[in-house]
Protein backbone atom coordinates (compact mmCIF):
# COMPACT_ATOMS: atom_id res chain seq x y z
CA UNK A 1 -162.39 -61.37 51.74
CA UNK A 2 -160.45 -58.94 53.86
CA UNK A 3 -162.37 -56.19 55.62
CA UNK A 4 -159.95 -53.45 54.66
CA UNK A 5 -162.72 -50.85 54.25
CA UNK A 6 -163.16 -50.58 58.01
CA UNK A 7 -159.45 -49.84 58.50
CA UNK A 8 -159.49 -47.24 55.71
CA UNK A 9 -162.68 -45.61 57.00
CA UNK A 10 -161.13 -45.18 60.44
CA UNK A 11 -158.12 -43.42 58.95
CA UNK A 12 -160.31 -41.25 56.79
CA UNK A 13 -162.48 -40.34 59.77
CA UNK A 14 -159.45 -39.40 61.87
CA UNK A 15 -158.11 -37.25 59.06
CA UNK A 16 -161.45 -35.54 58.47
CA UNK A 17 -161.69 -34.81 62.16
CA UNK A 18 -158.21 -33.26 62.11
CA UNK A 19 -159.10 -31.13 59.10
CA UNK A 20 -162.36 -30.13 60.76
CA UNK A 21 -160.52 -29.04 63.87
CA UNK A 22 -158.18 -26.88 61.78
CA UNK A 23 -161.08 -25.31 59.91
CA UNK A 24 -162.93 -24.65 63.15
CA UNK A 25 -159.88 -22.99 64.64
CA UNK A 26 -159.47 -20.70 61.65
CA UNK A 27 -163.18 -19.87 61.62
CA UNK A 28 -163.09 -19.08 65.33
CA UNK A 29 -160.13 -16.78 64.82
CA UNK A 30 -161.83 -15.15 61.87
CA UNK A 31 -164.86 -14.34 64.00
CA UNK A 32 -162.84 -12.00 66.23
CA UNK A 33 -162.94 -8.92 64.01
CA UNK A 34 -166.72 -9.18 63.71
CA UNK A 35 -167.28 -8.52 67.39
CA UNK A 36 -168.98 -5.20 68.14
CA UNK A 37 -166.56 -2.63 69.47
CA UNK A 38 -168.30 0.75 69.28
CA UNK A 39 -171.00 1.99 71.61
CA UNK A 40 -173.29 4.30 69.69
CA UNK A 41 -176.18 6.59 70.43
CA UNK A 42 -174.40 8.68 73.08
CA UNK A 43 -172.51 11.97 73.12
CA UNK A 44 -169.80 10.08 75.03
CA UNK A 45 -168.71 6.71 73.69
CA UNK A 46 -168.44 4.30 76.60
CA UNK A 47 -166.31 1.19 76.40
CA UNK A 48 -168.72 -1.48 75.12
CA UNK A 49 -166.95 -4.15 77.20
CA UNK A 50 -167.74 -2.29 80.44
CA UNK A 51 -169.62 -4.36 83.00
CA UNK A 52 -172.34 -2.94 85.25
CA UNK A 53 -171.31 -2.40 88.86
CA UNK A 54 -173.15 -0.87 91.79
CA UNK A 55 -171.19 1.31 94.18
CA UNK A 56 -171.96 0.74 97.86
CA UNK A 57 -172.78 3.21 100.59
CA UNK A 58 -170.42 1.36 102.95
CA UNK A 59 -166.91 0.10 102.24
CA UNK A 60 -167.74 -3.31 103.74
CA UNK A 61 -170.50 -3.80 101.15
CA UNK A 62 -168.36 -2.71 98.19
CA UNK A 63 -168.25 -4.86 95.06
CA UNK A 64 -164.81 -6.09 94.01
CA UNK A 65 -163.21 -4.76 90.83
CA UNK A 66 -160.97 -7.04 88.75
CA UNK A 67 -157.59 -5.93 87.34
CA UNK A 68 -157.92 -4.86 83.71
CA UNK A 69 -161.69 -4.48 84.04
CA UNK A 70 -163.88 -1.59 82.91
CA UNK A 71 -167.18 -0.88 84.62
CA UNK A 72 -170.21 1.46 84.44
CA UNK A 73 -172.22 3.01 87.23
CA UNK A 74 -174.13 6.20 88.03
CA UNK A 75 -173.77 8.65 90.91
CA UNK A 76 -176.39 10.95 92.39
CA UNK A 77 -175.91 14.55 93.40
CA UNK A 78 -173.72 14.67 96.53
CA UNK A 79 -173.40 10.89 96.26
CA UNK A 80 -170.62 8.71 97.70
CA UNK A 81 -169.83 5.27 96.28
CA UNK A 82 -167.37 2.59 97.45
CA UNK A 83 -165.64 -0.11 95.39
CA UNK A 84 -163.13 -2.73 96.51
CA UNK A 85 -159.78 -3.86 95.08
CA UNK A 86 -157.56 -6.59 96.54
CA UNK A 87 -153.84 -5.76 96.35
CA UNK A 88 -150.56 -7.56 97.02
CA UNK A 89 -147.39 -5.98 98.37
CA UNK A 90 -145.74 -5.34 94.99
CA UNK A 91 -148.14 -3.87 92.45
CA UNK A 92 -149.12 -0.25 92.04
CA UNK A 93 -152.84 0.12 91.40
CA UNK A 94 -154.93 2.74 89.59
CA UNK A 95 -158.70 3.15 89.51
CA UNK A 96 -159.87 5.91 87.18
CA UNK A 97 -163.35 7.38 87.01
CA UNK A 98 -164.71 9.32 84.04
CA UNK A 99 -167.73 11.38 85.11
CA UNK A 100 -170.17 12.04 82.27
CA UNK A 101 -173.06 14.42 83.09
CA UNK A 102 -176.18 14.18 80.99
CA UNK A 103 -176.57 16.52 78.04
CA UNK A 104 -177.61 20.02 79.04
CA UNK A 105 -176.63 19.66 82.71
CA UNK A 106 -175.55 22.88 84.44
CA UNK A 107 -172.49 23.15 86.66
CA UNK A 108 -171.11 25.68 89.12
CA UNK A 109 -167.46 26.47 89.76
CA UNK A 110 -165.90 23.59 91.71
CA UNK A 111 -168.49 20.97 90.73
CA UNK A 112 -166.93 17.59 89.95
CA UNK A 113 -165.73 14.39 91.56
CA UNK A 114 -163.05 13.26 93.99
CA UNK A 115 -161.61 9.74 93.69
CA UNK A 116 -159.52 8.34 96.55
CA UNK A 117 -158.06 4.95 97.51
CA UNK A 118 -157.99 3.94 101.18
CA UNK A 119 -156.70 0.98 103.15
CA UNK A 120 -158.56 -0.93 105.86
CA UNK A 121 -157.69 1.70 108.48
CA UNK A 122 -159.08 4.46 106.22
CA UNK A 123 -155.63 5.90 105.51
CA UNK A 124 -155.75 7.75 102.19
CA UNK A 125 -153.25 6.30 99.70
CA UNK A 126 -153.72 8.57 96.68
CA UNK A 127 -156.46 10.76 95.26
CA UNK A 128 -157.40 13.23 92.53
CA UNK A 129 -160.11 15.82 92.03
CA UNK A 130 -161.74 16.55 88.68
CA UNK A 131 -163.85 19.68 88.23
CA UNK A 132 -165.49 21.50 85.34
CA UNK A 133 -163.62 24.71 86.12
CA UNK A 134 -165.20 28.11 85.75
CA UNK A 135 -166.80 27.56 82.36
CA UNK A 136 -170.28 26.97 83.76
CA UNK A 137 -170.84 23.97 81.47
CA UNK A 138 -170.35 20.25 81.96
CA UNK A 139 -168.14 17.88 79.99
CA UNK A 140 -166.57 14.44 80.56
CA UNK A 141 -163.86 14.77 83.23
CA UNK A 142 -161.56 12.10 84.65
CA UNK A 143 -159.59 11.51 87.83
CA UNK A 144 -157.90 8.50 89.38
CA UNK A 145 -157.03 7.08 92.77
CA UNK A 146 -153.85 5.08 93.20
CA UNK A 147 -151.81 2.95 95.56
CA UNK A 148 -148.12 3.68 94.88
CA UNK A 149 -145.39 1.62 96.53
CA UNK A 150 -143.08 4.26 98.00
CA UNK A 151 -139.75 2.95 99.35
CA UNK A 152 -139.64 5.88 101.78
CA UNK A 153 -143.10 5.30 103.24
CA UNK A 154 -144.81 2.47 105.12
CA UNK A 155 -148.33 3.68 104.33
CA UNK A 156 -150.56 1.57 102.07
CA UNK A 157 -147.96 -1.18 101.54
CA UNK A 158 -149.78 -4.12 103.10
CA UNK A 159 -151.58 -6.82 101.13
CA UNK A 160 -155.32 -6.99 101.49
CA UNK A 161 -158.53 -5.14 100.73
CA UNK A 162 -158.42 -1.49 99.66
CA UNK A 163 -161.42 0.71 99.01
CA UNK A 164 -162.01 3.27 96.25
CA UNK A 165 -164.29 6.13 97.24
CA UNK A 166 -165.96 8.25 94.54
CA UNK A 167 -167.51 11.49 95.83
CA UNK A 168 -169.58 13.89 93.76
CA UNK A 169 -169.30 17.52 94.79
CA UNK A 170 -172.10 19.85 93.69
CA UNK A 171 -173.25 23.34 94.56
CA UNK A 172 -176.92 24.05 95.25
CA UNK A 173 -177.73 25.64 91.84
CA UNK A 174 -176.30 22.66 89.95
CA UNK A 175 -178.79 20.41 88.19
CA UNK A 176 -179.65 17.23 90.14
CA UNK A 177 -179.48 14.63 87.36
CA UNK A 178 -177.40 11.49 87.89
CA UNK A 179 -173.96 11.37 86.27
CA UNK A 180 -172.77 8.33 84.38
CA UNK A 181 -169.44 6.83 85.46
CA UNK A 182 -166.90 4.83 83.47
CA UNK A 183 -164.54 3.07 85.89
CA UNK A 184 -161.29 1.37 84.90
CA UNK A 185 -158.94 -0.63 87.14
CA UNK A 186 -155.30 -1.16 86.12
CA UNK A 187 -152.30 -2.60 87.92
CA UNK A 188 -148.66 -1.79 87.28
CA UNK A 189 -146.00 -4.45 87.99
CA UNK A 190 -143.37 -3.93 90.63
CA UNK A 191 -139.75 -3.31 89.68
CA UNK A 192 -136.82 -5.68 90.10
CA UNK A 193 -134.60 -2.96 91.46
CA UNK A 194 -135.38 0.42 92.93
CA UNK A 195 -134.20 3.41 90.91
CA UNK A 196 -133.70 7.03 91.95
CA UNK A 197 -136.50 8.83 93.75
CA UNK A 198 -135.03 12.31 93.35
CA UNK A 199 -135.83 14.23 90.18
CA UNK A 200 -133.07 15.92 88.19
CA UNK A 201 -132.83 19.64 88.82
CA UNK A 202 -132.60 20.59 85.14
CA UNK A 203 -134.87 19.45 82.34
CA UNK A 204 -135.93 20.80 78.88
CA UNK A 205 -138.55 23.40 79.80
CA UNK A 206 -138.73 25.37 76.53
CA UNK A 207 -141.60 25.14 74.08
CA UNK A 208 -140.61 23.54 70.75
CA UNK A 209 -141.41 25.22 67.42
CA UNK A 210 -144.67 24.21 65.70
CA UNK A 211 -144.52 20.83 63.97
CA UNK A 212 -143.68 20.90 60.28
CA UNK A 213 -145.63 19.35 57.44
CA UNK A 214 -148.80 21.43 57.38
CA UNK A 215 -152.29 20.51 58.63
CA UNK A 216 -153.75 17.04 58.13
CA UNK A 217 -157.38 16.04 58.63
CA UNK A 218 -158.12 13.81 61.61
CA UNK A 219 -161.49 13.71 63.36
CA UNK A 220 -161.46 12.94 67.08
CA UNK A 221 -163.29 10.20 68.93
CA UNK A 222 -166.19 10.60 71.36
CA UNK A 223 -164.56 9.00 74.41
CA UNK A 224 -161.38 7.52 75.84
CA UNK A 225 -162.32 4.15 74.38
CA UNK A 226 -162.46 5.31 70.75
CA UNK A 227 -159.95 8.17 70.94
CA UNK A 228 -158.23 8.84 67.61
CA UNK A 229 -154.48 8.14 67.52
CA UNK A 230 -152.07 10.95 66.69
CA UNK A 231 -148.35 11.30 66.29
CA UNK A 232 -146.39 14.55 66.14
CA UNK A 233 -147.99 16.94 63.66
CA UNK A 234 -150.64 19.56 62.96
CA UNK A 235 -154.14 18.11 62.95
CA UNK A 236 -157.23 19.82 61.54
CA UNK A 237 -160.86 19.07 62.40
CA UNK A 238 -164.17 20.79 63.18
CA UNK A 239 -165.84 20.90 66.59
CA UNK A 240 -169.45 21.65 67.46
CA UNK A 241 -170.58 23.70 70.48
CA UNK A 242 -170.91 21.37 73.48
CA UNK A 243 -168.84 18.65 71.82
CA UNK A 244 -165.76 16.94 73.29
CA UNK A 245 -163.23 15.32 70.94
CA UNK A 246 -160.75 12.71 72.20
CA UNK A 247 -157.29 11.91 70.86
CA UNK A 248 -154.39 9.79 72.11
CA UNK A 249 -150.63 10.16 71.56
CA UNK A 250 -147.95 7.52 72.31
CA UNK A 251 -145.26 8.98 74.60
CA UNK A 252 -142.26 6.84 75.50
CA UNK A 253 -140.01 6.88 78.55
CA UNK A 254 -137.86 10.02 78.52
CA UNK A 255 -140.12 11.87 76.08
CA UNK A 256 -142.20 15.02 76.49
CA UNK A 257 -145.58 15.83 75.01
CA UNK A 258 -146.44 19.41 74.02
CA UNK A 259 -149.88 20.42 72.78
CA UNK A 260 -151.66 23.56 71.64
CA UNK A 261 -155.07 24.27 70.13
CA UNK A 262 -156.37 27.03 67.85
CA UNK A 263 -159.97 27.97 67.06
CA UNK A 264 -160.58 29.43 63.62
CA UNK A 265 -162.56 32.51 62.67
CA UNK A 266 -166.33 32.70 62.52
CA UNK A 267 -168.24 34.98 60.09
CA UNK A 268 -171.16 35.32 62.52
CA UNK A 269 -170.03 38.12 64.83
CA UNK A 270 -167.61 39.11 67.56
CA UNK A 271 -169.40 38.21 70.81
CA UNK A 272 -167.02 37.46 73.69
CA UNK A 273 -167.26 33.93 75.16
CA UNK A 274 -165.11 33.23 78.21
CA UNK A 275 -163.50 29.79 78.61
CA UNK A 276 -164.82 28.85 75.19
CA UNK A 277 -162.36 26.02 74.55
CA UNK A 278 -160.90 23.61 77.10
CA UNK A 279 -157.87 21.44 76.23
CA UNK A 280 -157.06 18.62 78.70
CA UNK A 281 -154.18 16.15 79.01
CA UNK A 282 -154.59 12.80 80.82
CA UNK A 283 -152.12 9.97 81.37
CA UNK A 284 -152.35 6.29 80.26
CA UNK A 285 -154.23 5.35 83.45
CA UNK A 286 -156.66 8.23 82.79
CA UNK A 287 -155.21 10.30 85.57
CA UNK A 288 -155.48 14.04 84.98
CA UNK A 289 -152.26 15.86 84.10
CA UNK A 290 -153.12 19.40 83.01
CA UNK A 291 -155.60 21.62 81.16
CA UNK A 292 -156.02 25.15 79.87
CA UNK A 293 -158.83 27.32 78.48
CA UNK A 294 -159.12 30.22 76.05
CA UNK A 295 -161.85 32.77 75.36
CA UNK A 296 -163.34 33.36 71.88
CA UNK A 297 -164.56 36.47 70.09
CA UNK A 298 -165.04 35.13 66.59
CA UNK A 299 -161.38 35.52 65.60
CA UNK A 300 -158.39 33.19 65.95
CA UNK A 301 -157.88 32.03 69.55
CA UNK A 302 -154.92 29.92 70.69
CA UNK A 303 -153.97 28.13 73.90
CA UNK A 304 -150.94 26.00 74.83
CA UNK A 305 -150.43 23.56 77.66
CA UNK A 306 -147.44 24.39 79.83
CA UNK A 307 -144.25 22.37 79.21
CA UNK A 308 -143.80 19.54 81.71
CA UNK A 309 -141.00 17.17 82.64
CA UNK A 310 -140.18 14.14 80.48
CA UNK A 311 -142.01 10.93 81.33
CA UNK A 312 -140.04 9.12 84.04
CA UNK A 313 -140.68 6.46 86.68
CA UNK A 314 -139.34 8.70 89.47
CA UNK A 315 -141.90 11.40 88.65
CA UNK A 316 -144.34 9.51 90.87
CA UNK A 317 -142.43 10.66 93.94
CA UNK A 318 -142.89 14.37 93.11
CA UNK A 319 -145.23 16.50 95.20
CA UNK A 320 -146.16 18.51 92.11
CA UNK A 321 -149.39 16.98 90.78
CA UNK A 322 -148.53 17.64 87.13
CA UNK A 323 -145.17 15.88 87.40
CA UNK A 324 -146.55 13.10 89.57
CA UNK A 325 -148.99 12.12 86.82
CA UNK A 326 -146.22 11.83 84.20
CA UNK A 327 -145.09 8.59 85.80
CA UNK A 328 -145.25 6.09 82.95
CA UNK A 329 -145.04 5.67 79.20
CA UNK A 330 -148.04 4.81 77.05
CA UNK A 331 -151.02 6.49 75.41
CA UNK A 332 -151.51 10.04 76.68
CA UNK A 333 -154.96 11.46 75.97
CA UNK A 334 -155.87 14.92 74.70
CA UNK A 335 -159.48 16.11 74.82
CA UNK A 336 -160.90 19.36 73.46
CA UNK A 337 -164.30 20.73 74.50
CA UNK A 338 -166.10 23.68 72.89
CA UNK A 339 -168.49 25.53 75.19
CA UNK A 340 -172.19 25.22 74.32
CA UNK A 341 -172.38 29.00 74.87
CA UNK A 342 -170.71 29.40 71.48
CA UNK A 343 -173.94 28.24 69.83
CA UNK A 344 -175.91 31.14 71.34
CA UNK A 345 -173.60 33.74 69.79
CA UNK A 346 -172.40 32.03 66.61
CA UNK A 347 -174.96 29.35 65.83
CA UNK A 348 -174.72 25.60 66.11
CA UNK A 349 -172.38 25.18 63.16
CA UNK A 350 -168.96 23.54 63.72
CA UNK A 351 -165.97 25.79 64.39
CA UNK A 352 -162.59 25.06 62.75
CA UNK A 353 -160.09 23.58 65.22
CA UNK A 354 -156.40 22.78 64.86
CA UNK A 355 -154.33 20.73 67.31
CA UNK A 356 -150.55 20.96 67.22
CA UNK A 357 -148.72 18.10 68.90
CA UNK A 358 -144.99 17.73 69.53
CA UNK A 359 -143.32 14.70 71.08
CA UNK A 360 -139.73 15.59 71.90
CA UNK A 361 -136.79 13.66 73.29
CA UNK A 362 -135.39 10.22 72.50
CA UNK A 363 -137.35 7.29 73.88
CA UNK A 364 -135.40 5.26 76.43
CA UNK A 365 -135.86 1.82 77.95
CA UNK A 366 -138.33 1.60 80.77
CA UNK A 367 -137.92 0.33 84.33
CA UNK A 368 -137.10 -3.32 85.03
CA UNK A 369 -140.68 -4.43 85.64
CA UNK A 370 -141.26 -7.83 87.23
CA UNK A 371 -144.07 -8.52 84.74
CA UNK A 372 -145.64 -7.34 81.50
CA UNK A 373 -145.76 -3.54 81.33
CA UNK A 374 -149.19 -3.75 79.65
CA UNK A 375 -150.49 -0.25 78.80
CA UNK A 376 -147.46 1.40 80.42
CA UNK A 377 -145.20 1.17 77.38
CA UNK A 378 -145.08 2.19 73.71
CA UNK A 379 -144.89 -0.62 71.15
CA UNK A 380 -144.27 -0.68 67.40
CA UNK A 381 -147.98 -1.39 66.93
CA UNK A 382 -148.78 1.76 68.91
CA UNK A 383 -146.56 3.83 66.64
CA UNK A 384 -148.23 2.28 63.58
CA UNK A 385 -151.67 3.13 64.98
CA UNK A 386 -150.57 6.73 65.61
CA UNK A 387 -149.23 7.05 62.07
CA UNK A 388 -152.46 5.74 60.51
CA UNK A 389 -154.88 7.51 62.85
CA UNK A 390 -156.54 4.35 64.19
CA UNK A 391 -158.70 4.45 67.26
CA UNK A 392 -158.17 1.92 70.04
CA UNK A 393 -160.84 -0.50 68.75
CA UNK A 394 -159.55 -0.16 65.17
CA UNK A 395 -156.03 -0.96 66.33
CA UNK A 396 -157.30 -4.02 68.21
CA UNK A 397 -159.20 -5.08 65.10
CA UNK A 398 -156.05 -4.75 62.98
CA UNK A 399 -154.13 -6.85 65.53
CA UNK A 400 -156.85 -9.49 65.35
CA UNK A 401 -156.73 -9.49 61.55
CA UNK A 402 -152.97 -10.05 61.64
CA UNK A 403 -153.53 -12.90 64.08
CA UNK A 404 -156.15 -14.41 61.81
CA UNK A 405 -153.87 -14.06 58.80
CA UNK A 406 -151.07 -15.77 60.66
CA UNK A 407 -153.46 -18.47 61.84
CA UNK A 408 -154.79 -18.91 58.31
CA UNK A 409 -151.31 -19.23 56.82
CA UNK A 410 -150.25 -21.59 59.58
CA UNK A 411 -153.37 -23.73 59.29
CA UNK A 412 -153.10 -23.84 55.51
CA UNK A 413 -149.47 -24.94 55.75
CA UNK A 414 -150.38 -27.67 58.23
CA UNK A 415 -153.24 -28.82 56.02
CA UNK A 416 -151.02 -29.08 52.92
CA UNK A 417 -148.38 -30.89 54.94
CA UNK A 418 -150.90 -33.41 56.22
CA UNK A 419 -152.24 -33.98 52.71
CA UNK A 420 -148.71 -34.54 51.42
CA UNK A 421 -147.82 -36.98 54.18
CA UNK A 422 -151.00 -39.01 53.68
CA UNK A 423 -150.42 -39.16 49.93
CA UNK A 424 -146.83 -40.35 50.29
CA UNK A 425 -147.67 -42.90 52.97
CA UNK A 426 -150.65 -44.14 50.97
CA UNK A 427 -148.56 -44.73 47.84
CA UNK A 428 -145.80 -46.52 49.75
CA UNK A 429 -148.25 -48.80 51.51
CA UNK A 430 -150.12 -49.50 48.30
CA UNK A 431 -146.91 -50.42 46.53
CA UNK A 432 -145.94 -52.79 49.36
CA UNK A 433 -149.35 -54.51 49.41
CA UNK A 434 -150.03 -54.54 45.66
CA UNK A 435 -149.88 -58.38 45.25
CA UNK A 436 -152.44 -58.88 48.01
CA UNK A 437 -154.69 -55.83 47.77
CA UNK A 438 -154.82 -54.97 44.07
CA UNK A 439 -153.40 -52.12 42.02
CA UNK A 440 -151.47 -49.26 43.60
CA UNK A 441 -152.91 -45.81 44.11
CA UNK A 442 -153.61 -45.47 47.80
CA UNK A 443 -153.92 -47.39 51.05
CA UNK A 444 -156.58 -50.12 51.13
CA UNK A 445 -160.03 -48.63 51.42
CA UNK A 446 -158.55 -45.12 51.22
CA UNK A 447 -158.65 -43.66 47.74
CA UNK A 448 -156.48 -40.87 46.41
CA UNK A 449 -157.08 -37.44 47.93
CA UNK A 450 -159.09 -36.26 44.92
CA UNK A 451 -161.74 -38.90 45.72
CA UNK A 452 -162.65 -37.40 49.15
């Protein structure tokens, strides 16, 4: 008697293992969308992938940040914290810090943070300040430090350790509570060839007409991480006193973003509130671009951000801070904050808010980066997210679902192909061995697929 069962069992086992591997791969891919992506229970939604980090009092004790990483820390009143980044001679680097005071914290004019990047000799490479302005109330504010490779400068071009210093500036009457920090470290590839460093003298500086189409509902997010995507249009929501709403708009190379905000009427009186609404614009690396405020007396109140130059690589060489921040394409963030003082005069009910967003100009190709542009570009997926109003996590979830669908289709195709090949091979072998091994129908010891 021939021991054909052992040979057949080995083939069956190998096949089952292959199928199991395919199933496991699909199941692993399918698990991606189930991962938690929203941080709840806070007035500001922090990135739930942020890692804890502890800023040091000395630069030589600073913890190292990793490119693409997001971190969380806290800073005390008048505190100074150091972090370390290791840079090569080609990449531009950006470390942004979102300062989030605790609910109810009081601020004086000029309170805020300063973020700077310094080399080993303590030369300052790039810095930004972020303050709460003259409103007398706190809100999430952001600023970034950067190392920019400037062909006309030898400063901050060496490879090695660089240090990010975060300083909290506070006046004596300000409340002493710690502020939460959300820290993000991004790198921008170098370019294959150097373009112009001089800005064109003329550029479109007029304000476009309001976007057509009428208002559409779109509620904002509670942080940069879950900011709601917008495209050009008129967007209607409600905002509570003390609340900050976050949105993001894809802006390509050569395009301009224009934004205005309007508060609706209130039936509860006509009390004057100065700096009642703050509208801020920040770039894809969370560097601050511009902001404006408007007072409120219970009637319609409108503000508009000033027109700025189109997004261009050479903007980074401008001395004007607004233009300097418009240095790359990607998701530009709009945030609107309603003063908590509004609640004292008009109650704690939401106030109608409309945002009007224009993106003008034809998108052009970007610089010849030596690597992946990462967040410093606008993709078709970004435009789809803006059209549908997805937040960042929702867009990532949709991308994962498409990946899973592709993996499922691919795995299913492979599985059917394997089944077909085994069936054909089994029948051919059975036909060839029929006189010795019995009737046809499958390889010895390996029944037809329906018998598994």
